[in-house]
Protein backbone atom coordinates (compact mmCIF):
# COMPACT_ATOMS: atom_id res chain seq x y z
CA MET A 1 0.00 0.00 0.00
CA GLU A 2 2.80 2.42 0.90
CA VAL A 3 4.66 1.61 -2.34
CA GLU A 4 1.51 2.22 -4.37
CA ALA A 5 0.91 5.54 -2.63
CA MET A 6 4.50 6.61 -3.33
CA HIS A 7 4.13 5.57 -6.96
CA ASN A 8 0.94 7.61 -7.33
CA GLU A 9 2.64 10.59 -5.75
CA ASP A 10 5.56 10.30 -8.20
CA LEU A 11 3.11 10.14 -11.11
CA GLY A 12 1.46 13.31 -9.87
CA ARG A 13 4.83 15.07 -9.81
CA GLU A 14 5.67 13.85 -13.30
CA ASP A 15 2.40 15.35 -14.53
CA GLY A 16 3.40 18.69 -13.10
CA GLN A 17 0.88 18.55 -10.26
CA GLN A 18 1.64 20.13 -6.91
CA PRO A 19 -0.26 18.10 -4.31
CA GLU A 20 0.78 20.40 -1.47
CA LYS A 21 -0.86 23.35 -3.21
CA GLU A 22 -4.22 21.60 -3.09
CA THR A 23 -4.26 21.76 0.69
CA LYS A 24 -5.72 25.26 0.91
CA PRO A 25 -8.60 24.68 -1.52
CA SER A 26 -9.39 21.37 0.19
CA LEU A 27 -9.34 23.04 3.60
CA ALA A 28 -11.44 25.89 2.24
CA SER A 29 -14.03 23.45 0.90
CA MET A 30 -14.07 21.65 4.23
CA ILE A 31 -14.70 24.92 6.10
CA GLY A 32 -17.50 25.86 3.73
CA ALA A 33 -19.11 22.43 3.82
CA ASN A 34 -19.15 22.34 7.62
CA SER A 35 -20.52 25.84 8.10
CA ASN A 36 -24.04 26.38 9.39
CA ILE A 37 -24.79 29.06 6.81
CA ALA A 38 -28.11 28.30 5.10
CA GLN A 39 -29.94 29.71 2.08
CA ASN A 40 -33.65 30.27 1.67
CA ALA A 41 -35.73 29.41 -1.38
CA ASP A 42 -34.99 32.78 -2.97
CA GLY A 43 -31.24 32.22 -2.81
CA GLY A 44 -30.68 34.67 0.05
CA ILE A 45 -29.23 33.89 3.44
CA ASP A 46 -31.64 32.16 5.82
CA LEU A 47 -30.71 33.92 9.05
CA LEU A 48 -33.10 31.98 11.26
CA SER A 49 -31.78 28.60 10.14
CA THR A 50 -28.20 29.85 10.25
CA VAL A 51 -28.44 30.76 13.94
CA GLY A 52 -30.14 27.46 14.77
CA GLY A 53 -33.79 28.39 14.45
CA VAL A 54 -35.99 29.61 17.29
CA ARG A 55 -34.81 26.79 19.54
CA GLY A 56 -31.18 27.58 18.82
CA ILE A 57 -31.73 31.24 19.70
CA LEU A 58 -33.48 30.31 22.96
CA GLU A 59 -30.73 27.87 23.88
CA THR A 60 -28.08 30.51 23.25
CA VAL A 61 -29.74 33.51 24.88
CA LEU A 62 -31.95 32.24 27.71
CA PRO A 63 -29.43 30.53 30.05
CA GLY A 64 -27.30 33.66 30.35
CA PHE A 65 -30.36 35.91 30.60
CA VAL A 66 -31.92 33.72 33.31
CA PHE A 67 -28.61 33.72 35.17
CA ILE A 68 -28.39 37.50 35.32
CA MET A 69 -32.08 37.98 36.14
CA VAL A 70 -31.97 35.52 39.04
CA PHE A 71 -28.77 37.09 40.31
CA ALA A 72 -30.21 40.62 40.01
CA LEU A 73 -33.31 39.64 41.99
CA SER A 74 -31.65 37.47 44.63
CA SER A 75 -27.98 38.55 44.74
CA ASN A 76 -27.33 34.85 45.21
CA LEU A 77 -24.71 33.42 42.85
CA THR A 78 -25.59 29.81 43.64
CA TRP A 79 -29.24 30.23 42.77
CA ALA A 80 -28.35 32.02 39.56
CA LEU A 81 -25.96 29.24 38.53
CA VAL A 82 -28.45 26.51 39.39
CA ALA A 83 -31.14 28.26 37.32
CA SER A 84 -28.82 28.62 34.33
CA ILE A 85 -27.50 25.06 34.47
CA GLY A 86 -31.00 23.67 35.07
CA LEU A 87 -32.28 25.41 31.97
CA GLY A 88 -29.34 24.02 30.00
CA VAL A 89 -30.22 20.50 31.18
CA VAL A 90 -33.84 21.01 30.11
CA PHE A 91 -32.72 22.08 26.65
CA MET A 92 -30.45 19.03 26.39
CA ILE A 93 -33.29 16.69 27.40
CA ILE A 94 -35.54 18.28 24.79
CA ARG A 95 -32.87 17.79 22.11
CA LEU A 96 -32.39 14.16 23.12
CA ALA A 97 -36.16 13.65 23.01
CA LYS A 98 -36.10 15.09 19.48
CA ARG A 99 -33.40 12.50 18.65
CA SER A 100 -30.61 15.02 18.16
CA THR A 101 -27.06 13.67 18.37
CA LEU A 102 -25.46 13.56 21.82
CA ILE A 103 -22.75 16.02 20.76
CA GLN A 104 -25.33 18.50 19.52
CA SER A 105 -27.37 18.05 22.67
CA ALA A 106 -24.46 18.46 25.05
CA THR A 107 -22.67 21.36 23.34
CA GLY A 108 -24.89 24.07 24.79
CA LEU A 109 -24.80 22.56 28.28
CA ILE A 110 -21.01 22.29 28.20
CA GLY A 111 -20.79 25.98 27.36
CA ILE A 112 -23.05 26.83 30.30
CA LEU A 113 -21.00 24.64 32.63
CA ILE A 114 -17.79 26.37 31.56
CA CYS A 115 -19.32 29.77 32.31
CA ALA A 116 -20.68 28.51 35.62
CA PHE A 117 -17.30 27.09 36.62
CA ALA A 118 -15.62 30.43 35.88
CA ALA A 119 -18.09 32.27 38.12
CA ARG A 120 -18.03 29.67 40.91
CA HIS A 121 -14.24 29.49 40.87
CA THR A 122 -13.89 33.20 41.69
CA GLY A 123 -17.20 33.64 43.49
CA ASN A 124 -17.92 36.64 41.27
CA ALA A 125 -21.03 36.67 39.07
CA LYS A 126 -19.39 38.81 36.38
CA ASP A 127 -16.89 36.02 35.65
CA TYR A 128 -19.77 33.99 34.20
CA TYR A 129 -19.13 36.01 31.05
CA ILE A 130 -15.36 35.59 30.84
CA PRO A 131 -15.46 32.55 28.47
CA GLY A 132 -17.49 34.66 26.04
CA PHE A 133 -14.71 37.25 25.91
CA TYR A 134 -12.20 34.59 24.92
CA THR A 135 -14.58 33.18 22.31
CA SER A 136 -15.19 36.59 20.72
CA GLY A 137 -11.46 37.34 20.80
CA ALA A 138 -10.61 34.03 19.15
CA TYR A 139 -13.12 34.55 16.33
CA LEU A 140 -11.94 38.12 15.85
CA LEU A 141 -8.31 37.02 15.64
CA ALA A 142 -9.04 34.13 13.25
CA MET A 143 -11.00 36.37 10.88
CA LEU A 144 -8.39 39.11 11.07
CA VAL A 145 -5.64 36.66 10.13
CA SER A 146 -7.78 35.32 7.27
CA VAL A 147 -8.10 38.85 5.86
CA ILE A 148 -4.37 39.48 6.18
CA VAL A 149 -3.47 36.28 4.30
CA ARG A 150 -6.20 37.05 1.72
CA TRP A 151 -8.29 33.97 2.52
CA PRO A 152 -11.23 35.80 4.17
CA LEU A 153 -13.31 33.35 6.19
CA ILE A 154 -16.61 34.86 5.10
CA GLY A 155 -15.54 34.15 1.52
CA LEU A 156 -14.98 30.50 2.39
CA LEU A 157 -18.39 30.24 4.04
CA PHE A 158 -20.46 32.20 1.55
CA GLY A 159 -18.48 31.09 -1.48
CA PHE A 160 -19.32 27.47 -0.78
CA ILE A 161 -23.09 27.92 -0.61
CA ARG A 162 -23.01 30.24 -3.64
CA ASN A 163 -21.29 27.49 -5.62
CA GLU A 164 -18.23 29.68 -6.14
CA GLY A 165 -15.89 27.28 -4.36
CA VAL A 166 -12.63 29.21 -4.00
CA GLU A 167 -12.63 30.56 -7.55
CA TRP A 168 -13.64 33.96 -6.19
CA ARG A 169 -10.02 34.43 -5.08
CA ASN A 170 -8.99 34.73 -8.74
CA LYS A 171 -11.32 37.70 -9.27
CA ALA A 172 -10.24 40.98 -7.72
CA ASP A 173 -13.76 42.30 -7.18
CA ARG A 174 -15.01 39.11 -5.53
CA LEU A 175 -11.98 38.94 -3.26
CA ARG A 176 -12.41 42.59 -2.30
CA ARG A 177 -16.10 42.08 -1.50
CA TYR A 178 -15.38 39.07 0.69
CA GLN A 179 -12.60 40.97 2.45
CA ILE A 180 -15.06 43.77 3.27
CA ALA A 181 -17.71 41.23 4.33
CA THR A 182 -15.23 39.62 6.71
CA TRP A 183 -14.37 43.05 8.15
CA ILE A 184 -18.08 43.52 8.90
CA VAL A 185 -18.18 40.36 11.00
CA ILE A 186 -14.87 41.31 12.63
CA ALA A 187 -16.57 44.57 13.64
CA VAL A 188 -19.33 42.56 15.36
CA PHE A 189 -16.86 40.78 17.63
CA ALA A 190 -14.84 43.96 18.18
CA LEU A 191 -17.99 45.86 19.17
CA ARG A 192 -18.91 43.15 21.66
CA LEU A 193 -15.55 43.46 23.37
CA ALA A 194 -15.50 47.26 23.20
CA VAL A 195 -18.90 47.52 24.91
CA GLN A 196 -18.78 44.60 27.33
CA LEU A 197 -15.21 44.69 28.64
CA PRO A 198 -15.63 48.15 30.25
CA MET A 199 -18.84 46.89 31.91
CA TYR A 200 -16.92 43.91 33.24
CA TYR A 201 -14.11 45.99 34.71
CA MET A 202 -16.56 48.52 36.18
CA ASP A 203 -18.53 45.67 37.84
CA HIS A 204 -21.77 46.52 36.02
CA VAL A 205 -22.88 42.89 36.16
CA VAL A 206 -26.56 43.31 35.28
CA ALA A 207 -25.79 45.68 32.40
CA LEU A 208 -23.16 43.20 31.19
CA GLY A 209 -25.66 40.35 31.22
CA ILE A 210 -28.24 42.32 29.26
CA ALA A 211 -25.60 43.52 26.79
CA ARG A 212 -24.41 39.93 26.30
CA ALA A 213 -27.94 38.82 25.45
CA LEU A 214 -28.62 41.70 23.04
CA MET A 215 -25.19 41.58 21.39
CA GLY A 216 -25.17 37.83 20.99
CA VAL A 217 -27.31 36.18 18.32
CA PRO A 218 -29.18 39.38 17.21
CA LEU A 219 -25.99 41.34 16.50
CA TYR A 220 -24.27 38.36 14.90
CA ALA A 221 -27.27 37.75 12.62
CA ALA A 222 -27.31 41.41 11.60
CA GLY A 223 -23.59 41.26 10.82
CA LEU A 224 -24.04 38.16 8.68
CA TRP A 225 -26.92 39.76 6.81
CA PHE A 226 -24.91 42.88 5.96
CA ALA A 227 -21.91 40.71 5.03
CA TRP A 228 -24.13 38.68 2.70
CA LEU A 229 -25.46 41.81 1.00
CA ILE A 230 -22.06 43.48 0.58
CA SER A 231 -20.55 40.31 -0.87
CA LYS A 232 -23.38 39.65 -3.30
CA PRO A 233 -22.02 39.13 -6.84
CA ALA A 234 -22.42 42.11 -9.14
CA GLN A 235 -25.25 41.85 -11.64
CA THR A 236 -24.71 42.03 -15.39
CA ALA A 237 -27.02 43.90 -17.75
CA THR A 238 -28.98 40.70 -18.29
CA GLY A 239 -29.38 40.17 -14.56
CA ASP A 240 -26.98 37.23 -14.34
CA ALA A 241 -24.61 37.13 -11.39
CA THR A 242 -20.97 37.29 -12.34
CA GLY A 243 -18.58 34.86 -10.81
CA ALA A 244 -21.23 32.72 -9.08
CA ALA A 245 -23.98 30.33 -9.88
CA THR A 246 -26.33 31.85 -7.33
CA SER A 247 -26.60 35.14 -5.47
């Protein structure tokens, strides 16, 4: 088997192929194929499906919102954590009852447990939101790097569902549009940090919790929508999209 693989590799080199250069397109296709970006029947972005539907929004927003509301009313960190974790367990049970995969069911609960551990470890309610800062920072950094190396992540995600693959990188206008679209989503994560970090350091816990809920899924969905519009392929005189099979 190893000899055959080496022989095939040698044949590829004799044909002038560069296997190592195929890594980026393959990785790009993998990223696009595994994204949760969805289209509607009209060919536009389906924001509701992309963010997980109504249930996905509730699972993302409610645990943190319940945590901060219980804490604001009781000033009891334990009760707030129990309420948040309990709601996460309920959501997981519902997903299991709907026959979702175990990984999908447990992902949300694991996130809640990580936040709860951070708050319990320090005994400070505001630390419930620390993991979110790291998550936003990681996404911001990854997208910033992708823009710098001219492989904008939004291009990989949107290009896949628009049937552009990675061919958009060979067209200056398409690359520029996807660079701008990625900057829009970068701005979403940057805005989260710019607004929420001062609240964290000034101990405005309730305001931080409300800001986290409002600047979570709603702001992200708005950013994706604007990114989709700005990266839409230009229309020709006949109304056909250039550089893509769909808009």
